[in-house]
Amino acid sequence: MPRNPDVSNVSRRLFLALAGGAAAANTLAAGLDPEPTQAAPVAPAVADYPVLVDVRNADSVNNRPKYTTPKLNDASSVDGVLHDQKFSWQVWTKSHPDNKYHLAIIFKNGLTPFVDGKNGKPVYAFYGTEQDEGTGGLGINAKIGPGITLGEEYDYYVVVFDRKLTQIYVDDPSIIIGDGLIAAEKNLIKASNELKKAASEYALKRDKIRSIEKQLGLLIDELKKP
């Protein structure tokens, strides 16, 4: 899968044009007692996959953002994800620990594995800032939908705007539902079908295409073995 990190000095206006704005709403609740009381603090929700997007060493040439969770050293492609599990995202900028950022998570091609945790409607994008860290991280209110097929792979854009350095970072990690081998087999079968179509359209390269197709068939057979 191609990775396209991009870092550039841009204005906040460009980030908003790319990813949209995020608004934070605060709710104040008054107690019923005659004497004012302070509500007990509520612990933030915890995601099954709290993804840290680390852009401290990211650049526009070779170094993409680094993705980790407490259990994964590389969360750029997370597999084994199950129905009803939750993700969250937060960012470390080059000014860490004084992180000031806007963050957008946008799923490609109108395909998303997430649904809203309350109404069950599909969620195609998340927008927020460092303030979301206090409530469990961006995306904590959504979950993997119950109707998502095992083996499906979902690519998504990560857009980070560093408000202190006015830099933007764009990348495209992925989430795989269930066993990553199932997703790999599906991708190989898709590639094999595309090669068959190409062989019928390009007669001069048919032998070469069929040779590649045969190799893909062998890989698919290997994945099917127990």
Foldseek 3Di string as FASTA:
>chain_A
DDKAKAKDQDAVVVVCVVANADDDDDDDDFDPDPDTDDDDDDQADAFPFEWEFECLPPHRPPRATAIAGPVGRGVLEAEQFEFFGFYFYDYDYVPPPVFWKKKKKAWPPPDDQKAFQPPRHDDGMWIDINVCVRRHHIGRRITGHPPDDALDKIKIWMWMAGPVRNMIIIIIGMYGYRDPLSVVLVVLVVVLVVLVVVLVVDVVCNVVSVVVSVVSVVVSVVSPDD
